[in-house]
Each structure stands twice: as C-alpha cells, then as structure tokens.
C-alpha cells in the first residue's frame, strides 16, 4: 500500500508541475488577468 500511495502522490505532483508549466508558457484568457494584476502589484511596491 505504501508503494502505491507514493506512486500516486508522485504522479499527482508531476501532473501539477506540468499543468503549471503549460499555464506559464501559454496563459489562457482566464489566467492572463491574474498575471497582469500580479505585475501591477510589483510595480506599485
């Protein structure tokens, strides 16, 4: 059971990293405004 849990967690972690990488490379219309807001906050600070 421990091996199965470790493998499942590793696969989930990999999926999250891949999804994050894809969003960073090609931001969707929903993701773009969030990025713009983050940049605006950095400029204000």
N, C-alpha and C. Protein backbone atom coordinates (compact mmCIF):
# COMPACT_ATOMS: atom_id res chain seq x y z
N UNK A 1 0.85 -1.22 0.00
CA UNK A 1 0.00 0.00 0.00
C UNK A 1 0.88 1.26 0.00
N UNK A 2 1.97 1.23 0.74
CA UNK A 2 2.84 2.42 0.81
C UNK A 2 3.41 2.76 -0.56
N UNK A 3 3.81 1.71 -1.30
CA UNK A 3 4.37 1.94 -2.64
C UNK A 3 3.32 2.55 -3.55
N UNK A 4 2.09 2.06 -3.47
CA UNK A 4 1.02 2.60 -4.31
C UNK A 4 0.75 4.06 -3.96
N UNK A 5 0.72 4.38 -2.69
CA UNK A 5 0.46 5.76 -2.27
C UNK A 5 1.57 6.69 -2.74
N UNK A 6 2.82 6.24 -2.59
CA UNK A 6 3.96 7.05 -3.02
C UNK A 6 3.90 7.30 -4.52
N UNK A 7 3.58 6.25 -5.29
CA UNK A 7 3.50 6.38 -6.75
C UNK A 7 2.38 7.34 -7.13
N UNK A 8 1.23 7.22 -6.46
CA UNK A 8 0.10 8.09 -6.76
C UNK A 8 0.45 9.55 -6.47
N UNK A 9 1.09 9.79 -5.32
CA UNK A 9 1.47 11.16 -4.97
C UNK A 9 2.48 11.71 -5.97
N UNK A 10 3.42 10.87 -6.41
CA UNK A 10 4.43 11.31 -7.38
C UNK A 10 3.77 11.68 -8.70
N UNK A 11 2.80 10.88 -9.14
CA UNK A 11 2.09 11.16 -10.40
C UNK A 11 1.30 12.46 -10.29
N UNK A 12 0.64 12.65 -9.16
CA UNK A 12 -0.15 13.88 -8.96
C UNK A 12 0.77 15.10 -8.95
N UNK A 13 1.89 14.99 -8.25
CA UNK A 13 2.84 16.10 -8.18
C UNK A 13 3.36 16.44 -9.58
N UNK A 14 3.68 15.40 -10.36
CA UNK A 14 4.17 15.61 -11.73
C UNK A 14 3.10 16.31 -12.56
N UNK A 15 1.86 15.87 -12.42
CA UNK A 15 0.76 16.48 -13.17
C UNK A 15 0.60 17.94 -12.84
N UNK A 16 0.72 18.28 -11.55
CA UNK A 16 0.59 19.68 -11.12
C UNK A 16 1.71 20.52 -11.73
N UNK A 17 2.93 19.99 -11.70
CA UNK A 17 4.08 20.73 -12.24
C UNK A 17 3.91 20.95 -13.74
N UNK A 18 3.48 19.90 -14.45
CA UNK A 18 3.28 20.01 -15.90
C UNK A 18 2.19 21.03 -16.21
N UNK A 19 1.08 20.96 -15.46
CA UNK A 19 -0.03 21.90 -15.68
C UNK A 19 0.43 23.33 -15.44
N UNK A 20 1.22 23.54 -14.38
CA UNK A 20 1.73 24.88 -14.07
C UNK A 20 2.65 25.38 -15.18
N UNK A 21 3.51 24.48 -15.70
CA UNK A 21 4.43 24.85 -16.78
C UNK A 21 3.65 25.24 -18.04
N UNK A 22 2.60 24.48 -18.36
CA UNK A 22 1.79 24.80 -19.54
C UNK A 22 1.09 26.15 -19.38
N UNK A 23 0.60 26.43 -18.18
CA UNK A 23 -0.07 27.71 -17.94
C UNK A 23 0.92 28.87 -18.05
N UNK A 24 2.15 28.64 -17.60
CA UNK A 24 3.16 29.69 -17.65
C UNK A 24 3.53 30.01 -19.10
N UNK A 25 3.63 28.97 -19.93
CA UNK A 25 4.02 29.17 -21.32
C UNK A 25 2.88 29.76 -22.13
N UNK A 26 1.67 29.20 -21.97
CA UNK A 26 0.53 29.67 -22.75
C UNK A 26 -0.61 30.05 -21.82
N UNK A 27 -0.58 31.27 -21.27
CA UNK A 27 -1.66 31.68 -20.37
C UNK A 27 -3.00 31.78 -21.09
N UNK A 28 -4.03 31.25 -20.48
CA UNK A 28 -5.37 31.32 -21.07
C UNK A 28 -5.97 32.69 -20.81
N UNK A 29 -7.10 32.97 -21.40
CA UNK A 29 -7.75 34.27 -21.20
C UNK A 29 -8.13 34.47 -19.74
N UNK A 30 -8.44 33.38 -19.04
CA UNK A 30 -8.80 33.49 -17.62
C UNK A 30 -7.56 33.73 -16.77
N UNK A 31 -6.42 33.18 -17.20
CA UNK A 31 -5.19 33.25 -16.41
C UNK A 31 -4.47 34.59 -16.62
N UNK A 32 -4.62 35.17 -17.81
CA UNK A 32 -3.91 36.41 -18.13
C UNK A 32 -4.18 37.55 -17.14
N UNK A 33 -5.45 37.86 -16.82
CA UNK A 33 -5.73 38.96 -15.90
C UNK A 33 -5.03 38.79 -14.55
N UNK A 34 -4.94 37.55 -14.08
CA UNK A 34 -4.29 37.29 -12.80
C UNK A 34 -2.81 37.67 -12.89
N UNK A 35 -2.20 37.34 -14.03
CA UNK A 35 -0.78 37.65 -14.23
C UNK A 35 -0.59 39.16 -14.30
N UNK A 36 -1.48 39.84 -14.99
CA UNK A 36 -1.38 41.30 -15.13
C UNK A 36 -1.51 41.96 -13.76
N UNK A 37 -2.46 41.48 -12.95
CA UNK A 37 -2.64 42.04 -11.61
C UNK A 37 -1.39 41.84 -10.76
N UNK A 38 -0.77 40.68 -10.88
CA UNK A 38 0.45 40.40 -10.11
C UNK A 38 1.56 41.36 -10.53
N UNK A 39 1.67 41.64 -11.84
CA UNK A 39 2.69 42.56 -12.32
C UNK A 39 2.41 43.97 -11.82
N UNK A 40 1.12 44.36 -11.79
CA UNK A 40 0.75 45.70 -11.31
C UNK A 40 1.13 45.85 -9.83
N UNK A 41 0.92 44.79 -9.04
CA UNK A 41 1.26 44.85 -7.62
C UNK A 41 2.76 45.07 -7.45
N UNK A 42 3.56 44.37 -8.28
CA UNK A 42 5.02 44.51 -8.18
C UNK A 42 5.42 45.94 -8.52
N UNK A 43 4.79 46.54 -9.53
CA UNK A 43 5.13 47.91 -9.93
C UNK A 43 4.78 48.90 -8.82
N UNK A 44 3.62 48.70 -8.16
CA UNK A 44 3.20 49.61 -7.09
C UNK A 44 4.15 49.52 -5.90
N UNK A 45 4.60 48.31 -5.59
CA UNK A 45 5.51 48.13 -4.47
C UNK A 45 6.87 48.71 -4.83
